């Protein structure tokens, strides 16, 4: 894993990019964006929903030692929500696991 190269994840209508310690989230929709935050501040929570969906909450960590990705929401504000098929959740988890290693952040199990 080369920390100098941008990490990009594109799936469906969402594009997530981490470059030089900044995470950007883009979604093709009529919502104004993108969302741009330091990677060290970002948390993502996956919540199982009905109908085979998982909702991802992208937020700001209150405690910078919080896991970057997990199933328990952080205490900080949420800046972005995105629903995905539950079967696709492992793809997101793998991407955020890589980002956690890059940013020296934990990931929840």
PDB file of N, CA and C in Angstrom:
ATOM      1  N   UNK A   1       0.845  -1.174   0.000  1.00  0.00           N
ATOM      2  CA  UNK A   1       0.000   0.000   0.000  1.00  0.00           C
ATOM      3  C   UNK A   1       0.890   1.238   0.000  1.00  0.00           C
ATOM      4  N   UNK A   2       0.750   2.065  -1.004  1.00  0.00           N
ATOM      5  CA  UNK A   2       1.556   3.275  -1.157  1.00  0.00           C
ATOM      6  C   UNK A   2       0.768   4.473  -0.636  1.00  0.00           C
ATOM      7  N   UNK A   3       1.185   5.059   0.518  1.00  0.00           N
ATOM      8  CA  UNK A   3       0.432   6.176   1.085  1.00  0.00           C
ATOM      9  C   UNK A   3       0.470   7.427   0.216  1.00  0.00           C
ATOM     10  N   UNK A   4       1.410   7.513  -0.739  1.00  0.00           N
ATOM     11  CA  UNK A   4       1.500   8.692  -1.595  1.00  0.00           C
ATOM     12  C   UNK A   4       0.450   8.681  -2.708  1.00  0.00           C
ATOM     13  N   UNK A   5      -0.092   7.513  -3.014  1.00  0.00           N
ATOM     14  CA  UNK A   5      -1.083   7.413  -4.088  1.00  0.00           C
ATOM     15  C   UNK A   5      -2.486   7.571  -3.527  1.00  0.00           C
ATOM     16  N   UNK A   6      -3.356   8.311  -4.212  1.00  0.00           N
ATOM     17  CA  UNK A   6      -4.746   8.428  -3.758  1.00  0.00           C
ATOM     18  C   UNK A   6      -5.430   7.060  -3.733  1.00  0.00           C
ATOM     19  N   UNK A   7      -6.275   6.853  -2.732  1.00  0.00           N
ATOM     20  CA  UNK A   7      -7.075   5.636  -2.630  1.00  0.00           C
ATOM     21  C   UNK A   7      -8.483   5.994  -3.094  1.00  0.00           C
ATOM     22  N   UNK A   8      -8.997   5.239  -4.050  1.00  0.00           N
ATOM     23  CA  UNK A   8     -10.296   5.552  -4.633  1.00  0.00           C
ATOM     24  C   UNK A   8     -11.204   4.342  -4.534  1.00  0.00           C
ATOM     25  N   UNK A   9     -12.447   4.601  -4.154  1.00  0.00           N
ATOM     26  CA  UNK A   9     -13.481   3.572  -4.101  1.00  0.00           C
ATOM     27  C   UNK A   9     -14.686   4.134  -4.833  1.00  0.00           C
ATOM     28  N   UNK A  10     -15.112   3.433  -5.866  1.00  0.00           N
ATOM     29  CA  UNK A  10     -16.284   3.856  -6.620  1.00  0.00           C
ATOM     30  C   UNK A  10     -17.237   2.688  -6.698  1.00  0.00           C
ATOM     31  N   UNK A  11     -18.464   2.934  -6.273  1.00  0.00           N
ATOM     32  CA  UNK A  11     -19.459   1.872  -6.261  1.00  0.00           C
ATOM     33  C   UNK A  11     -20.834   2.497  -6.448  1.00  0.00           C
ATOM     34  N   UNK A  12     -21.523   2.076  -7.488  1.00  0.00           N
ATOM     35  CA  UNK A  12     -22.851   2.640  -7.726  1.00  0.00           C
ATOM     36  C   UNK A  12     -22.780   4.144  -7.929  1.00  0.00           C
ATOM     37  N   UNK A  13     -23.544   4.868  -7.135  1.00  0.00           N
ATOM     38  CA  UNK A  13     -23.629   6.325  -7.274  1.00  0.00           C
ATOM     39  C   UNK A  13     -22.693   7.092  -6.336  1.00  0.00           C
ATOM     40  N   UNK A  14     -21.786   6.380  -5.674  1.00  0.00           N
ATOM     41  CA  UNK A  14     -20.887   7.043  -4.726  1.00  0.00           C
ATOM     42  C   UNK A  14     -19.429   6.876  -5.152  1.00  0.00           C
ATOM     43  N   UNK A  15     -18.658   7.920  -4.910  1.00  0.00           N
ATOM     44  CA  UNK A  15     -17.218   7.927  -5.194  1.00  0.00           C
ATOM     45  C   UNK A  15     -16.545   8.454  -3.932  1.00  0.00           C
ATOM     46  N   UNK A  16     -15.628   7.662  -3.371  1.00  0.00           N
ATOM     47  CA  UNK A  16     -14.911   8.051  -2.158  1.00  0.00           C
ATOM     48  C   UNK A  16     -13.434   8.065  -2.494  1.00  0.00           C
ATOM     49  N   UNK A  17     -12.783   9.130  -2.075  1.00  0.00           N
ATOM     50  CA  UNK A  17     -11.369   9.277  -2.397  1.00  0.00           C
ATOM     51  C   UNK A  17     -10.614   9.798  -1.181  1.00  0.00           C
ATOM     52  N   UNK A  18      -9.491   9.180  -0.896  1.00  0.00           N
ATOM     53  CA  UNK A  18      -8.606   9.651   0.173  1.00  0.00           C
ATOM     54  C   UNK A  18      -7.271  10.009  -0.469  1.00  0.00           C
ATOM     55  N   UNK A  19      -6.845  11.236  -0.235  1.00  0.00           N
ATOM     56  CA  UNK A  19      -5.610  11.710  -0.830  1.00  0.00           C
ATOM     57  C   UNK A  19      -4.946  12.688   0.132  1.00  0.00           C
ATOM     58  N   UNK A  20      -3.698  12.414   0.489  1.00  0.00           N
ATOM     59  CA  UNK A  20      -2.902  13.275   1.373  1.00  0.00           C
ATOM     60  C   UNK A  20      -3.643  13.617   2.668  1.00  0.00           C
ATOM     61  N   UNK A  21      -4.284  12.593   3.248  1.00  0.00           N
ATOM     62  CA  UNK A  21      -4.927  12.766   4.542  1.00  0.00           C
ATOM     63  C   UNK A  21      -6.301  13.404   4.514  1.00  0.00           C
ATOM     64  N   UNK A  22      -6.870  13.608   3.329  1.00  0.00           N
ATOM     65  CA  UNK A  22      -8.198  14.204   3.190  1.00  0.00           C
ATOM     66  C   UNK A  22      -9.125  13.182   2.541  1.00  0.00           C
ATOM     67  N   UNK A  23     -10.312  13.006   3.152  1.00  0.00           N
ATOM     68  CA  UNK A  23     -11.325  12.107   2.594  1.00  0.00           C
ATOM     69  C   UNK A  23     -12.387  12.952   1.915  1.00  0.00           C
ATOM     70  N   UNK A  24     -12.700  12.605   0.676  1.00  0.00           N
ATOM     71  CA  UNK A  24     -13.764  13.280  -0.070  1.00  0.00           C
ATOM     72  C   UNK A  24     -14.810  12.249  -0.457  1.00  0.00           C
ATOM     73  N   UNK A  25     -16.078  12.623  -0.314  1.00  0.00           N
ATOM     74  CA  UNK A  25     -17.189  11.752  -0.660  1.00  0.00           C
ATOM     75  C   UNK A  25     -18.057  12.496  -1.670  1.00  0.00           C
ATOM     76  N   UNK A  26     -18.280  11.854  -2.810  1.00  0.00           N
ATOM     77  CA  UNK A  26     -19.109  12.414  -3.868  1.00  0.00           C
ATOM     78  C   UNK A  26     -20.271  11.450  -4.125  1.00  0.00           C
ATOM     79  N   UNK A  27     -21.443  11.993  -4.420  1.00  0.00           N
ATOM     80  CA  UNK A  27     -22.574  11.145  -4.793  1.00  0.00           C
ATOM     81  C   UNK A  27     -23.286  11.807  -5.955  1.00  0.00           C
ATOM     82  N   UNK A  28     -23.583  11.008  -6.987  1.00  0.00           N
ATOM     83  CA  UNK A  28     -24.324  11.541  -8.129  1.00  0.00           C
ATOM     84  C   UNK A  28     -25.778  11.706  -7.720  1.00  0.00           C
ATOM     85  N   UNK A  29     -26.154  12.931  -7.467  1.00  0.00           N
ATOM     86  CA  UNK A  29     -27.540  13.246  -7.116  1.00  0.00           C
ATOM     87  C   UNK A  29     -27.699  14.756  -7.196  1.00  0.00           C
ATOM     88  N   UNK A  30     -28.875  15.220  -6.830  1.00  0.00           N
ATOM     89  CA  UNK A  30     -29.113  16.656  -6.865  1.00  0.00           C
ATOM     90  C   UNK A  30     -28.724  17.335  -5.556  1.00  0.00           C
ATOM     91  N   UNK A  31     -28.099  16.600  -4.652  1.00  0.00           N
ATOM     92  CA  UNK A  31     -27.648  17.157  -3.386  1.00  0.00           C
ATOM     93  C   UNK A  31     -26.307  17.847  -3.604  1.00  0.00           C
ATOM     94  N   UNK A  32     -26.167  19.028  -3.032  1.00  0.00           N
ATOM     95  CA  UNK A  32     -24.905  19.746  -3.158  1.00  0.00           C
ATOM     96  C   UNK A  32     -23.832  19.010  -2.374  1.00  0.00           C
ATOM     97  N   UNK A  33     -22.674  18.910  -2.919  1.00  0.00           N
ATOM     98  CA  UNK A  33     -21.547  18.227  -2.305  1.00  0.00           C
ATOM     99  C   UNK A  33     -20.308  18.701  -3.009  1.00  0.00           C
ATOM    100  N   UNK A  34     -19.215  18.105  -2.885  1.00  0.00           N
ATOM    101  CA  UNK A  34     -18.863  16.920  -2.123  1.00  0.00           C
ATOM    102  C   UNK A  34     -18.642  17.246  -0.654  1.00  0.00           C
ATOM    103  N   UNK A  35     -18.368  16.201   0.082  1.00  0.00           N
ATOM    104  CA  UNK A  35     -18.038  16.322   1.490  1.00  0.00           C
ATOM    105  C   UNK A  35     -16.551  16.079   1.609  1.00  0.00           C
ATOM    106  N   UNK A  36     -15.860  16.932   2.344  1.00  0.00           N
ATOM    107  CA  UNK A  36     -14.395  16.861   2.416  1.00  0.00           C
ATOM    108  C   UNK A  36     -13.966  17.099   3.856  1.00  0.00           C
ATOM    109  N   UNK A  37     -13.281  16.087   4.439  1.00  0.00           N
ATOM    110  CA  UNK A  37     -12.837  16.168   5.829  1.00  0.00           C
ATOM    111  C   UNK A  37     -11.482  15.498   5.976  1.00  0.00           C
ATOM    112  N   UNK A  38     -10.714  15.894   6.982  1.00  0.00           N
ATOM    113  CA  UNK A  38      -9.477  15.156   7.263  1.00  0.00           C
ATOM    114  C   UNK A  38      -9.796  13.704   7.621  1.00  0.00           C
ATOM    115  N   UNK A  39      -9.054  12.795   7.058  1.00  0.00           N
ATOM    116  CA  UNK A  39      -9.261  11.373   7.298  1.00  0.00           C
ATOM    117  C   UNK A  39      -9.161  11.045   8.785  1.00  0.00           C
ATOM    118  N   UNK A  40      -8.312  11.736   9.502  1.00  0.00           N
ATOM    119  CA  UNK A  40      -8.140  11.486  10.937  1.00  0.00           C
ATOM    120  C   UNK A  40      -9.404  11.799  11.731  1.00  0.00           C
ATOM    121  N   UNK A  41     -10.326  12.565  11.176  1.00  0.00           N
ATOM    122  CA  UNK A  41     -11.548  12.960  11.879  1.00  0.00           C
ATOM    123  C   UNK A  41     -12.753  12.091  11.534  1.00  0.00           C
ATOM    124  N   UNK A  42     -12.703  11.353  10.436  1.00  0.00           N
ATOM    125  CA  UNK A  42     -13.891  10.683   9.882  1.00  0.00           C
ATOM    126  C   UNK A  42     -14.183   9.359  10.578  1.00  0.00           C
ATOM    127  N   UNK A  43     -15.480   9.109  10.811  1.00  0.00           N
ATOM    128  CA  UNK A  43     -15.958   7.797  11.235  1.00  0.00           C
ATOM    129  C   UNK A  43     -17.100   7.390  10.314  1.00  0.00           C
ATOM    130  N   UNK A  44     -17.233   6.098  10.097  1.00  0.00           N
ATOM    131  CA  UNK A  44     -18.324   5.565   9.288  1.00  0.00           C
ATOM    132  C   UNK A  44     -18.972   4.443  10.082  1.00  0.00           C
ATOM    133  N   UNK A  45     -20.280   4.528  10.220  1.00  0.00           N
ATOM    134  CA  UNK A  45     -21.039   3.520  10.951  1.00  0.00           C
ATOM    135  C   UNK A  45     -21.963   2.802   9.974  1.00  0.00           C
ATOM    136  N   UNK A  46     -21.977   1.481  10.023  1.00  0.00           N
ATOM    137  CA  UNK A  46     -22.860   0.665   9.189  1.00  0.00           C
ATOM    138  C   UNK A  46     -24.016   0.166  10.040  1.00  0.00           C
ATOM    139  N   UNK A  47     -25.234   0.468   9.614  1.00  0.00           N
ATOM    140  CA  UNK A  47     -26.432   0.049  10.346  1.00  0.00           C
ATOM    141  C   UNK A  47     -27.308  -0.814   9.439  1.00  0.00           C
ATOM    142  N   UNK A  48     -27.558  -2.058   9.862  1.00  0.00           N
ATOM    143  CA  UNK A  48     -28.424  -2.959   9.087  1.00  0.00           C
ATOM    144  C   UNK A  48     -29.847  -2.416   9.106  1.00  0.00           C
ATOM    145  N   UNK A  49     -30.486  -2.419   7.945  1.00  0.00           N
ATOM    146  CA  UNK A  49     -31.858  -1.940   7.800  1.00  0.00           C
ATOM    147  C   UNK A  49     -32.718  -3.067   7.240  1.00  0.00           C
ATOM    148  N   UNK A  50     -33.990  -2.845   7.185  1.00  0.00           N
ATOM    149  CA  UNK A  50     -34.902  -3.829   6.583  1.00  0.00           C
ATOM    150  C   UNK A  50     -34.725  -3.859   5.068  1.00  0.00           C
ATOM    151  N   UNK A  51     -35.188  -4.956   4.490  1.00  0.00           N
ATOM    152  CA  UNK A  51     -35.201  -5.073   3.042  1.00  0.00           C
ATOM    153  C   UNK A  51     -33.836  -5.293   2.418  1.00  0.00           C
ATOM    154  N   UNK A  52     -32.900  -5.851   3.190  1.00  0.00           N
ATOM    155  CA  UNK A  52     -31.584  -6.140   2.635  1.00  0.00           C
ATOM    156  C   UNK A  52     -30.728  -4.916   2.391  1.00  0.00           C
ATOM    157  N   UNK A  53     -30.955  -3.858   3.166  1.00  0.00           N
ATOM    158  CA  UNK A  53     -30.182  -2.628   3.016  1.00  0.00           C
ATOM    159  C   UNK A  53     -29.335  -2.355   4.252  1.00  0.00           C
ATOM    160  N   UNK A  54     -28.263  -1.649   4.040  1.00  0.00           N
ATOM    161  CA  UNK A  54     -27.411  -1.157   5.116  1.00  0.00           C
ATOM    162  C   UNK A  54     -27.245   0.340   4.902  1.00  0.00           C
ATOM    163  N   UNK A  55     -27.421   1.096   5.968  1.00  0.00           N
ATOM    164  CA  UNK A  55     -27.222   2.545   5.880  1.00  0.00           C
ATOM    165  C   UNK A  55     -25.862   2.878   6.474  1.00  0.00           C
ATOM    166  N   UNK A  56     -25.076   3.628   5.718  1.00  0.00           N
ATOM    167  CA  UNK A  56     -23.777   4.093   6.173  1.00  0.00           C
ATOM    168  C   UNK A  56     -23.916   5.542   6.622  1.00  0.00           C
ATOM    169  N   UNK A  57     -23.430   5.823   7.817  1.00  0.00           N
ATOM    170  CA  UNK A  57     -23.419   7.179   8.362  1.00  0.00           C
ATOM    171  C   UNK A  57     -21.971   7.647   8.393  1.00  0.00           C
ATOM    172  N   UNK A  58     -21.662   8.690   7.660  1.00  0.00           N
ATOM    173  CA  UNK A  58     -20.332   9.289   7.657  1.00  0.00           C
ATOM    174  C   UNK A  58     -20.381  10.473   8.615  1.00  0.00           C
ATOM    175  N   UNK A  59     -19.495  10.459   9.608  1.00  0.00           N
ATOM    176  CA  UNK A  59     -19.530  11.513  10.608  1.00  0.00           C
ATOM    177  C   UNK A  59     -18.143  11.967  11.027  1.00  0.00           C
ATOM    178  N   UNK A  60     -18.161  12.854  12.015  1.00  0.00           N
ATOM    179  CA  UNK A  60     -16.930  13.407  12.568  1.00  0.00           C
ATOM    180  C   UNK A  60     -16.719  12.798  13.945  1.00  0.00           C
ATOM    181  N   UNK A  61     -15.533  12.279  14.189  1.00  0.00           N
ATOM    182  CA  UNK A  61     -15.201  11.647  15.469  1.00  0.00           C
ATOM    183  C   UNK A  61     -15.078  12.694  16.566  1.00  0.00           C
ATOM    184  N   UNK A  62     -15.701  12.432  17.696  1.00  0.00           N
ATOM    185  CA  UNK A  62     -15.504  13.259  18.880  1.00  0.00           C
ATOM    186  C   UNK A  62     -14.148  12.938  19.499  1.00  0.00           C
ATOM    187  N   UNK A  63     -13.815  11.649  19.515  1.00  0.00           N
ATOM    188  CA  UNK A  63     -12.554  11.150  20.052  1.00  0.00           C
ATOM    189  C   UNK A  63     -11.747  10.619  18.874  1.00  0.00           C
ATOM    190  N   UNK A  64     -10.589  11.185  18.619  1.00  0.00           N
ATOM    191  CA  UNK A  64      -9.801  10.789  17.455  1.00  0.00           C
ATOM    192  C   UNK A  64      -9.261   9.362  17.542  1.00  0.00           C
ATOM    193  N   UNK A  65      -9.487   8.692  18.667  1.00  0.00           N
ATOM    194  CA  UNK A  65      -9.117   7.292  18.800  1.00  0.00           C
ATOM    195  C   UNK A  65     -10.242   6.346  18.409  1.00  0.00           C
ATOM    196  N   UNK A  66     -11.410   6.907  18.026  1.00  0.00           N
ATOM    197  CA  UNK A  66     -12.542   6.070  17.601  1.00  0.00           C
ATOM    198  C   UNK A  66     -12.166   5.289  16.356  1.00  0.00           C
ATOM    199  N   UNK A  67     -12.775   4.117  16.195  1.00  0.00           N
ATOM    200  CA  UNK A  67     -12.553   3.375  14.945  1.00  0.00           C
ATOM    201  C   UNK A  67     -13.040   4.183  13.750  1.00  0.00           C
ATOM    202  N   UNK A  68     -12.380   4.007  12.629  1.00  0.00           N
ATOM    203  CA  UNK A  68     -12.786   4.708  11.411  1.00  0.00           C
ATOM    204  C   UNK A  68     -14.064   4.081  10.833  1.00  0.00           C
ATOM    205  N   UNK A  69     -14.276   2.781  11.093  1.00  0.00           N
ATOM    206  CA  UNK A  69     -15.448   2.086  10.539  1.00  0.00           C
ATOM    207  C   UNK A  69     -15.946   1.087  11.558  1.00  0.00           C
ATOM    208  N   UNK A  70     -17.246   1.040  11.742  1.00  0.00           N
ATOM    209  CA  UNK A  70     -17.794   0.077  12.690  1.00  0.00           C
ATOM    210  C   UNK A  70     -19.309   0.049  12.653  1.00  0.00           C
ATOM    211  N   UNK A  71     -19.871  -0.608  13.645  1.00  0.00           N
ATOM    212  CA  UNK A  71     -21.324  -0.740  13.703  1.00  0.00           C
ATOM    213  C   UNK A  71     -21.931   0.066  14.843  1.00  0.00           C
ATOM    214  N   UNK A  72     -21.108   0.849  15.517  1.00  0.00           N
ATOM    215  CA  UNK A  72     -21.598   1.701  16.604  1.00  0.00           C
ATOM    216  C   UNK A  72     -21.342   3.148  16.203  1.00  0.00           C
ATOM    217  N   UNK A  73     -22.394   3.966  16.141  1.00  0.00           N
ATOM    218  CA  UNK A  73     -22.179   5.351  15.727  1.00  0.00           C
ATOM    219  C   UNK A  73     -21.335   6.115  16.732  1.00  0.00           C
ATOM    220  N   UNK A  74     -20.518   7.013  16.227  1.00  0.00           N
ATOM    221  CA  UNK A  74     -19.740   7.890  17.088  1.00  0.00           C
ATOM    222  C   UNK A  74     -20.641   8.972  17.670  1.00  0.00           C
ATOM    223  N   UNK A  75     -20.101   9.732  18.571  1.00  0.00           N
ATOM    224  CA  UNK A  75     -20.876  10.782  19.234  1.00  0.00           C
ATOM    225  C   UNK A  75     -20.917  12.068  18.419  1.00  0.00           C
ATOM    226  N   UNK A  76     -20.061  12.181  17.418  1.00  0.00           N
ATOM    227  CA  UNK A  76     -19.978  13.413  16.640  1.00  0.00           C
ATOM    228  C   UNK A  76     -21.084  13.538  15.605  1.00  0.00           C
ATOM    229  N   UNK A  77     -21.133  14.693  14.936  1.00  0.00           N
ATOM    230  CA  UNK A  77     -22.181  14.950  13.944  1.00  0.00           C
ATOM    231  C   UNK A  77     -22.013  14.095  12.683  1.00  0.00           C
ATOM    232  N   UNK A  78     -23.138  13.796  12.041  1.00  0.00           N
ATOM    233  CA  UNK A  78     -23.162  13.039  10.783  1.00  0.00           C
ATOM    234  C   UNK A  78     -23.233  14.048   9.642  1.00  0.00           C
ATOM    235  N   UNK A  79     -22.373  13.884   8.635  1.00  0.00           N
ATOM    236  CA  UNK A  79     -22.405  14.797   7.502  1.00  0.00           C
ATOM    237  C   UNK A  79     -22.937  14.156   6.225  1.00  0.00           C
ATOM    238  N   UNK A  80     -23.100  12.826   6.220  1.00  0.00           N
ATOM    239  CA  UNK A  80     -23.523  12.155   4.987  1.00  0.00           C
ATOM    240  C   UNK A  80     -24.130  10.811   5.334  1.00  0.00           C
ATOM    241  N   UNK A  81     -25.236  10.453   4.694  1.00  0.00           N
ATOM    242  CA  UNK A  81     -25.868   9.132   4.840  1.00  0.00           C
ATOM    243  C   UNK A  81     -25.985   8.517   3.450  1.00  0.00           C
ATOM    244  N   UNK A  82     -25.788   7.195   3.417  1.00  0.00           N
ATOM    245  CA  UNK A  82     -25.849   6.517   2.122  1.00  0.00           C
ATOM    246  C   UNK A  82     -26.334   5.089   2.334  1.00  0.00           C
ATOM    247  N   UNK A  83     -27.385   4.687   1.622  1.00  0.00           N
ATOM    248  CA  UNK A  83     -27.895   3.312   1.725  1.00  0.00           C
ATOM    249  C   UNK A  83     -27.337   2.462   0.605  1.00  0.00           C
ATOM    250  N   UNK A  84     -26.953   1.244   0.988  1.00  0.00           N
ATOM    251  CA  UNK A  84     -26.374   0.290   0.044  1.00  0.00           C
ATOM    252  C   UNK A  84     -27.027  -1.071   0.270  1.00  0.00           C
ATOM    253  N   UNK A  85     -26.980  -1.954  -0.726  1.00  0.00           N
ATOM    254  CA  UNK A  85     -27.400  -3.331  -0.476  1.00  0.00           C
ATOM    255  C   UNK A  85     -26.474  -3.958   0.571  1.00  0.00           C
ATOM    256  N   UNK A  86     -27.048  -4.681   1.509  1.00  0.00           N
ATOM    257  CA  UNK A  86     -26.255  -5.301   2.576  1.00  0.00           C
ATOM    258  C   UNK A  86     -25.155  -6.190   2.006  1.00  0.00           C
ATOM    259  N   UNK A  87     -25.396  -6.839   0.883  1.00  0.00           N
ATOM    260  CA  UNK A  87     -24.387  -7.703   0.260  1.00  0.00           C
ATOM    261  C   UNK A  87     -23.140  -6.914  -0.161  1.00  0.00           C
ATOM    262  N   UNK A  88     -23.272  -5.594  -0.347  1.00  0.00           N
ATOM    263  CA  UNK A  88     -22.134  -4.767  -0.764  1.00  0.00           C
ATOM    264  C   UNK A  88     -21.337  -4.212   0.416  1.00  0.00           C
ATOM    265  N   UNK A  89     -21.841  -4.374   1.636  1.00  0.00           N
ATOM    266  CA  UNK A  89     -21.170  -3.806   2.814  1.00  0.00           C
ATOM    267  C   UNK A  89     -19.724  -4.278   2.962  1.00  0.00           C
ATOM    268  N   UNK A  90     -19.384  -5.550   2.695  1.00  0.00           N
ATOM    269  CA  UNK A  90     -17.976  -5.967   2.813  1.00  0.00           C
ATOM    270  C   UNK A  90     -17.022  -5.183   1.902  1.00  0.00           C
ATOM    271  N   UNK A  91     -17.503  -4.693   0.770  1.00  0.00           N
ATOM    272  CA  UNK A  91     -16.663  -3.882  -0.115  1.00  0.00           C
ATOM    273  C   UNK A  91     -16.272  -2.570   0.564  1.00  0.00           C
ATOM    274  N   UNK A  92     -17.243  -1.947   1.209  1.00  0.00           N
ATOM    275  CA  UNK A  92     -16.983  -0.700   1.937  1.00  0.00           C
ATOM    276  C   UNK A  92     -16.067  -0.966   3.133  1.00  0.00           C
ATOM    277  N   UNK A  93     -16.351  -2.036   3.861  1.00  0.00           N
ATOM    278  CA  UNK A  93     -15.530  -2.386   5.030  1.00  0.00           C
ATOM    279  C   UNK A  93     -14.068  -2.598   4.610  1.00  0.00           C
ATOM    280  N   UNK A  94     -13.835  -3.273   3.501  1.00  0.00           N
ATOM    281  CA  UNK A  94     -12.470  -3.521   3.028  1.00  0.00           C
ATOM    282  C   UNK A  94     -11.766  -2.201   2.685  1.00  0.00           C
ATOM    283  N   UNK A  95     -12.476  -1.295   2.037  1.00  0.00           N
ATOM    284  CA  UNK A  95     -11.883  -0.004   1.693  1.00  0.00           C
ATOM    285  C   UNK A  95     -11.521   0.778   2.952  1.00  0.00           C
ATOM    286  N   UNK A  96     -12.444   0.825   3.923  1.00  0.00           N
ATOM    287  CA  UNK A  96     -12.163   1.585   5.143  1.00  0.00           C
ATOM    288  C   UNK A  96     -11.127   0.893   6.031  1.00  0.00           C
ATOM    289  N   UNK A  97     -10.999  -0.404   5.928  1.00  0.00           N
ATOM    290  CA  UNK A  97      -9.922  -1.108   6.632  1.00  0.00           C
ATOM    291  C   UNK A  97      -8.574  -0.650   6.081  1.00  0.00           C
ATOM    292  N   UNK A  98      -8.484  -0.539   4.771  1.00  0.00           N
ATOM    293  CA  UNK A  98      -7.252  -0.055   4.151  1.00  0.00           C
ATOM    294  C   UNK A  98      -6.958   1.387   4.577  1.00  0.00           C
ATOM    295  N   UNK A  99      -7.999   2.228   4.603  1.00  0.00           N
ATOM    296  CA  UNK A  99      -7.800   3.616   5.032  1.00  0.00           C
ATOM    297  C   UNK A  99      -7.396   3.691   6.500  1.00  0.00           C
ATOM    298  N   UNK A 100      -7.959   2.826   7.335  1.00  0.00           N
ATOM    299  CA  UNK A 100      -7.609   2.815   8.760  1.00  0.00           C
ATOM    300  C   UNK A 100      -6.124   2.499   8.929  1.00  0.00           C
ATOM    301  N   UNK A 101      -5.634   1.533   8.167  1.00  0.00           N
ATOM    302  CA  UNK A 101      -4.209   1.190   8.231  1.00  0.00           C
ATOM    303  C   UNK A 101      -3.356   2.365   7.768  1.00  0.00           C
ATOM    304  N   UNK A 102      -3.797   3.023   6.720  1.00  0.00           N
ATOM    305  CA  UNK A 102      -3.075   4.162   6.175  1.00  0.00           C
ATOM    306  C   UNK A 102      -3.008   5.323   7.167  1.00  0.00           C
ATOM    307  N   UNK A 103      -4.109   5.556   7.877  1.00  0.00           N
ATOM    308  CA  UNK A 103      -4.208   6.687   8.809  1.00  0.00           C
ATOM    309  C   UNK A 103      -3.860   6.305  10.241  1.00  0.00           C
ATOM    310  N   UNK A 104      -3.415   5.066  10.457  1.00  0.00           N
ATOM    311  CA  UNK A 104      -3.101   4.570  11.789  1.00  0.00           C
ATOM    312  C   UNK A 104      -4.299   4.741  12.734  1.00  0.00           C
ATOM    313  N   UNK A 105      -5.464   4.297  12.245  1.00  0.00           N
ATOM    314  CA  UNK A 105      -6.714   4.378  13.004  1.00  0.00           C
ATOM    315  C   UNK A 105      -7.252   2.962  13.191  1.00  0.00           C
ATOM    316  N   UNK A 106      -7.977   2.708  14.273  1.00  0.00           N
ATOM    317  CA  UNK A 106      -8.571   1.377  14.458  1.00  0.00           C
ATOM    318  C   UNK A 106      -9.802   1.196  13.580  1.00  0.00           C
ATOM    319  N   UNK A 107     -10.185  -0.046  13.407  1.00  0.00           N
ATOM    320  CA  UNK A 107     -11.444  -0.403  12.750  1.00  0.00           C
ATOM    321  C   UNK A 107     -12.145  -1.391  13.666  1.00  0.00           C
ATOM    322  N   UNK A 108     -13.439  -1.171  13.894  1.00  0.00           N
ATOM    323  CA  UNK A 108     -14.195  -2.057  14.778  1.00  0.00           C
ATOM    324  C   UNK A 108     -14.483  -3.383  14.083  1.00  0.00           C
ATOM    325  N   UNK A 109     -14.659  -4.420  14.858  1.00  0.00           N
ATOM    326  CA  UNK A 109     -14.970  -5.742  14.302  1.00  0.00           C
ATOM    327  C   UNK A 109     -16.451  -5.951  14.221  1.00  0.00           C
TER     328      UNK A 109
END
